[in-house]
Protein backbone atom coordinates (compact mmCIF):
# COMPACT_ATOMS: atom_id res chain seq x y z
CA MET A 1 -0.01 -0.01 0.03
CA THR A 2 1.31 3.42 -0.99
CA GLN A 3 2.30 5.58 1.99
CA HIS A 4 0.45 8.90 2.00
CA VAL A 5 2.46 12.09 2.30
CA THR A 6 1.62 14.11 5.39
CA VAL A 7 2.81 17.33 7.04
CA ASN A 8 5.14 15.16 9.12
CA THR A 9 6.50 13.56 5.92
CA ILE A 10 7.52 16.98 4.44
CA ARG A 11 9.06 18.10 7.73
CA ASN A 12 11.12 14.90 7.80
CA MET A 13 12.13 15.34 4.19
CA LYS A 14 13.58 18.77 5.14
CA GLN A 15 15.53 17.25 8.02
CA GLU A 16 16.80 14.48 5.70
CA GLY A 17 17.73 16.82 2.91
CA LYS A 18 15.23 15.31 0.46
CA LYS A 19 13.64 17.71 -1.94
CA ILE A 20 9.88 18.23 -1.85
CA VAL A 21 8.06 18.44 -5.23
CA ALA A 22 4.77 20.31 -5.55
CA LEU A 23 2.55 20.99 -8.54
CA THR A 24 -0.85 22.46 -9.10
CA ALA A 25 -3.87 20.51 -10.31
CA TYR A 26 -7.51 21.59 -10.74
CA ASP A 27 -9.22 18.45 -12.08
CA ALA A 28 -9.23 14.69 -11.66
CA SER A 29 -7.46 13.80 -14.92
CA PHE A 30 -4.31 15.85 -14.29
CA ALA A 31 -4.40 15.06 -10.53
CA ARG A 32 -4.23 11.35 -11.25
CA ILE A 33 -1.28 11.70 -13.58
CA ILE A 34 0.57 14.05 -11.15
CA ASP A 35 0.04 11.70 -8.20
CA GLU A 36 1.22 8.74 -10.25
CA GLN A 37 4.48 10.52 -11.20
CA GLY A 38 5.52 10.87 -7.53
CA VAL A 39 4.71 14.54 -6.81
CA ASP A 40 4.69 15.02 -3.02
CA ILE A 41 2.15 17.89 -2.82
CA ILE A 42 -0.76 18.71 -5.16
CA LEU A 43 -1.86 22.35 -4.80
CA VAL A 44 -5.36 23.46 -5.76
CA GLY A 45 -4.19 27.02 -6.05
CA ASP A 46 -6.17 30.14 -6.58
CA SER A 47 -4.05 30.38 -9.74
CA LEU A 48 -7.13 28.60 -11.20
CA GLY A 49 -8.51 32.11 -11.57
CA MET A 50 -5.94 32.77 -14.23
CA VAL A 51 -5.26 29.40 -15.87
CA MET A 52 -8.76 27.92 -15.62
CA GLN A 53 -11.07 30.89 -15.60
CA GLY A 54 -9.06 33.27 -17.75
CA HIS A 55 -8.82 36.25 -15.38
CA ASP A 56 -5.77 38.46 -15.00
CA SER A 57 -5.30 37.84 -11.29
CA THR A 58 -6.36 35.46 -8.55
CA VAL A 59 -8.65 37.98 -6.83
CA SER A 60 -11.90 36.76 -8.30
CA VAL A 61 -11.54 33.23 -6.98
CA THR A 62 -14.04 32.21 -4.27
CA VAL A 63 -14.11 29.61 -1.53
CA ASP A 64 -16.73 27.74 -3.53
CA ASP A 65 -14.38 27.68 -6.53
CA ILE A 66 -11.59 26.16 -4.42
CA ILE A 67 -13.94 23.57 -2.87
CA TYR A 68 -15.27 22.56 -6.33
CA HIS A 69 -11.74 21.95 -7.73
CA SER A 70 -10.31 20.44 -4.55
CA LYS A 71 -13.17 17.93 -4.39
CA ALA A 72 -12.42 16.93 -8.00
CA VAL A 73 -8.72 16.48 -7.24
CA ALA A 74 -9.00 14.72 -3.86
CA PRO A 75 -9.97 11.17 -4.98
CA GLN A 76 -6.83 11.03 -7.14
CA CYS A 77 -4.47 11.86 -4.32
CA LYS A 78 -3.48 8.28 -3.50
CA ARG A 79 -0.03 9.43 -2.26
CA ALA A 80 0.24 13.25 -2.50
CA LEU A 81 -0.60 15.68 0.25
CA LEU A 82 -3.55 17.85 -1.00
CA MET A 83 -3.04 21.50 -0.30
CA ALA A 84 -5.70 24.14 -1.11
CA ASP A 85 -5.59 27.90 -1.06
CA LEU A 86 -7.68 30.13 1.04
CA PRO A 87 -8.72 32.72 -1.52
CA PHE A 88 -8.75 36.53 -1.42
CA MET A 89 -10.71 38.03 1.49
CA SER A 90 -11.69 34.61 2.88
CA TYR A 91 -9.52 34.95 6.01
CA THR A 92 -9.80 38.58 7.18
CA ASN A 93 -10.13 37.41 10.77
CA PRO A 94 -9.48 34.15 12.64
CA ASP A 95 -13.09 33.05 12.86
CA GLN A 96 -13.76 33.59 9.19
CA ALA A 97 -10.54 31.81 8.33
CA ILE A 98 -11.27 28.78 10.38
CA ALA A 99 -14.80 28.53 9.10
CA ASN A 100 -13.68 28.66 5.45
CA ALA A 101 -10.73 26.27 6.17
CA ALA A 102 -13.20 23.79 7.73
CA ARG A 103 -15.29 23.96 4.54
CA ILE A 104 -12.28 23.41 2.30
CA MET A 105 -11.22 20.44 4.37
CA GLN A 106 -14.66 18.94 4.92
CA GLU A 107 -16.26 19.61 1.54
CA GLY A 108 -13.09 19.93 -0.59
CA LEU A 109 -11.30 17.12 1.22
CA ALA A 110 -8.04 19.06 1.39
CA HIS A 111 -5.35 18.03 3.91
CA ILE A 112 -3.81 21.49 4.53
CA VAL A 113 -4.68 25.03 3.64
CA LYS A 114 -2.44 27.86 2.42
CA LEU A 115 -2.78 31.58 3.08
CA GLU A 116 -0.78 34.64 2.17
CA GLY A 117 0.73 37.25 4.40
CA GLY A 118 3.02 37.76 7.33
CA GLU A 119 2.47 39.56 10.63
CA ALA A 120 -1.13 40.34 9.97
CA GLN A 121 -1.97 36.61 9.76
CA LEU A 122 -0.28 35.50 13.02
CA ASP A 123 -3.49 35.39 15.11
CA THR A 124 -5.27 33.61 12.22
CA VAL A 125 -2.50 30.92 11.88
CA ARG A 126 -2.38 30.43 15.61
CA HIS A 127 -6.16 30.05 15.84
CA MET A 128 -6.33 27.50 13.05
CA THR A 129 -3.44 25.43 14.13
CA ARG A 130 -4.64 25.28 17.73
CA HIS A 131 -7.84 23.78 16.34
CA GLY A 132 -6.06 21.19 14.29
CA VAL A 133 -6.01 22.85 10.85
CA PRO A 134 -2.62 22.32 9.08
CA VAL A 135 -1.42 25.64 7.55
CA CYS A 136 1.09 26.54 4.88
CA ALA A 137 2.07 30.22 4.95
CA HIS A 138 3.09 32.24 1.85
CA LEU A 139 5.51 35.13 1.77
CA GLY A 140 7.29 37.15 -0.87
CA LEU A 141 5.17 37.94 -3.89
CA THR A 142 1.61 37.32 -2.73
CA PRO A 143 -0.61 37.29 -5.79
CA GLN A 144 -3.80 38.15 -3.89
CA THR A 145 -2.33 41.55 -3.11
CA VAL A 146 -0.90 42.17 -6.60
CA HIS A 147 -2.93 45.38 -6.89
CA LYS A 148 -1.48 46.70 -3.64
CA LEU A 149 2.05 45.65 -4.62
CA GLY A 150 1.68 47.40 -8.04
CA GLY A 151 2.34 44.30 -10.08
CA TYR A 152 4.11 40.98 -10.08
CA ARG A 153 7.48 42.04 -8.67
CA VAL A 154 10.33 40.41 -6.75
CA GLN A 155 10.00 40.97 -2.99
CA GLY A 156 12.59 41.24 -0.31
CA ARG A 157 15.48 43.01 -2.04
CA PRO A 158 15.85 46.09 0.24
CA ALA A 159 17.56 45.15 3.53
CA ALA A 160 14.60 46.32 5.61
CA ASP A 161 12.17 44.26 3.56
CA ALA A 162 14.41 41.22 3.86
CA GLN A 163 14.56 41.58 7.65
CA GLN A 164 10.80 41.96 7.83
CA MET A 165 10.28 38.83 5.81
CA LEU A 166 12.63 36.87 8.04
CA ALA A 167 10.83 38.11 11.09
CA ASP A 168 7.48 37.25 9.55
CA ALA A 169 8.67 33.78 8.66
CA LEU A 170 9.94 32.99 12.14
CA ALA A 171 6.72 34.37 13.71
CA LEU A 172 4.53 32.29 11.40
CA GLN A 173 6.52 29.22 12.35
CA ASP A 174 6.09 30.04 16.05
CA ALA A 175 2.34 30.50 15.39
CA GLY A 176 2.20 26.87 14.13
CA ALA A 177 2.62 27.03 10.37
CA ASP A 178 3.69 23.67 8.93
CA ALA A 179 5.40 24.96 5.81
CA LEU A 180 6.17 28.21 3.96
CA VAL A 181 5.90 29.02 0.27
CA LEU A 182 8.40 31.66 -0.87
CA GLU A 183 7.51 33.34 -4.16
CA CYS A 184 9.81 35.61 -6.20
CA VAL A 185 12.36 36.00 -3.40
CA PRO A 186 16.05 36.69 -4.07
CA VAL A 187 18.21 33.64 -3.62
CA PRO A 188 20.33 35.02 -0.78
CA LEU A 189 17.22 35.71 1.29
CA ALA A 190 15.75 32.32 0.44
CA ILE A 191 18.94 30.72 1.65
CA GLN A 192 18.78 32.56 4.94
CA LEU A 193 15.07 31.67 5.43
CA THR A 194 15.59 28.02 4.65
CA GLN A 195 18.55 27.70 6.95
CA GLU A 196 16.87 29.45 9.89
CA LEU A 197 13.42 27.82 9.69
CA GLU A 198 12.66 24.35 11.04
CA ILE A 199 9.60 24.09 8.77
CA PRO A 200 10.14 23.36 5.06
CA THR A 201 10.32 26.15 2.49
CA ILE A 202 8.79 25.61 -0.92
CA GLY A 203 10.07 27.96 -3.57
CA ILE A 204 8.63 29.36 -6.73
CA GLY A 205 11.18 31.81 -8.14
CA ALA A 206 13.16 31.56 -4.90
CA GLY A 207 16.10 29.41 -5.96
CA GLY A 208 17.07 25.80 -5.62
CA VAL A 209 18.21 26.12 -1.97
CA CYS A 210 14.62 25.88 -0.84
CA ASP A 211 13.45 22.57 0.59
CA GLY A 212 11.06 22.10 -2.25
CA GLN A 213 9.65 23.62 -5.41
CA VAL A 214 6.19 24.29 -6.68
CA LEU A 215 5.02 25.28 -10.18
CA VAL A 216 1.73 25.86 -11.86
CA LEU A 217 1.08 22.84 -14.14
CA GLN A 218 0.08 24.98 -17.16
CA ASP A 219 3.34 26.88 -16.89
CA MET A 220 5.59 23.79 -16.75
CA ILE A 221 3.92 22.24 -19.80
CA GLY A 222 4.10 25.46 -21.77
CA ILE A 223 0.43 26.22 -22.31
CA SER A 224 0.03 29.36 -20.24
CA SER A 225 -0.56 32.63 -21.99
CA PHE A 226 2.41 34.05 -20.06
CA ALA A 227 5.42 32.10 -18.92
CA PRO A 228 7.05 33.55 -15.73
CA LYS A 229 10.82 33.74 -15.51
CA PHE A 230 10.86 31.13 -12.78
CA THR A 231 9.38 28.38 -14.83
CA THR A 232 10.50 26.25 -17.81
CA ASN A 233 8.67 24.05 -20.31
CA PHE A 234 9.24 20.41 -19.47
CA LEU A 235 6.97 19.29 -22.30
CA VAL A 236 9.86 19.18 -24.79
CA GLU A 237 12.07 16.69 -26.51
CA GLY A 238 9.10 14.55 -27.58
CA ARG A 239 7.84 13.98 -24.04
CA ASN A 240 4.17 13.42 -23.33
CA ILE A 241 2.55 14.99 -20.24
CA PRO A 242 3.35 12.18 -17.75
CA GLU A 243 6.98 12.14 -18.98
CA ALA A 244 7.12 15.94 -18.59
CA ILE A 245 5.87 15.68 -14.99
CA THR A 246 8.38 12.89 -14.26
CA ALA A 247 11.18 15.08 -15.74
CA TYR A 248 10.12 17.93 -13.39
CA VAL A 249 10.12 15.59 -10.39
CA GLN A 250 13.56 14.31 -11.28
CA ALA A 251 14.91 17.78 -11.92
CA VAL A 252 13.81 19.05 -8.50
CA LYS A 253 14.98 15.95 -6.70
CA GLU A 254 18.45 16.05 -8.26
CA GLY A 255 18.72 19.90 -7.94
CA SER A 256 18.95 20.80 -11.63
CA PHE A 257 15.74 22.82 -11.40
CA PRO A 258 15.60 25.70 -10.90
CA ALA A 259 18.76 26.82 -12.63
CA ASP A 260 20.17 30.32 -12.33
CA GLU A 261 18.06 31.59 -15.27
CA GLN A 262 14.88 30.78 -13.27
CA CYS A 263 16.08 32.67 -10.14
CA PHE A 264 16.30 36.27 -8.89
CA PHE A 265 19.44 37.58 -7.25
């Protein structure tokens, strides 16, 4: 019987120096293929607002959207840990957050929820984890606040911003977060965060030093309308989709992805 990946599994993988591989999925067909190729975490991300619904940001995605797609993915997660995003404005206070997280776990069958933000989310993370909700935090470029940030930009380059991100990361860990996604973060800062945190870091545009990597499926098979710098097309050299996913898994595990051209310095 296949052993299921849990939050303890990914924490142990960090301690053992084994890379964690994550990839998005929004439907049963792709979820099955992804799970079969050995991906450790399947993320039902609010990126579905862009790649599935055709919007220009993640802001329009609702809790019901996440539940619908998570429920479709869940039966295919025979091995992978199923992570689902709490979408924009669904966690403005601890009570709202835990109510929506409960729906995503009970109706959407997710194993862990992900939310964006640092210091402002500490009470929320603490409240959820105290009540048994596994939480993945998300720092750096936080797509739900793209309008506030003024666009999709690298975060944490000024020294003061880097120090704030480090303080936020440590505080989120103390609040009970089980993992941390780092998006569009300079490599030196990602190194410091990964070394100082006991919980695993999962990078997307944050360099190969992170404990794991995550990509949007449509980006890594080259069918997105816009390909971010931090991705590459694995559907090349005559590969089919399962072979492309296997190539991604192998590249992350062996450390050849991301390369310098997919990183920010």
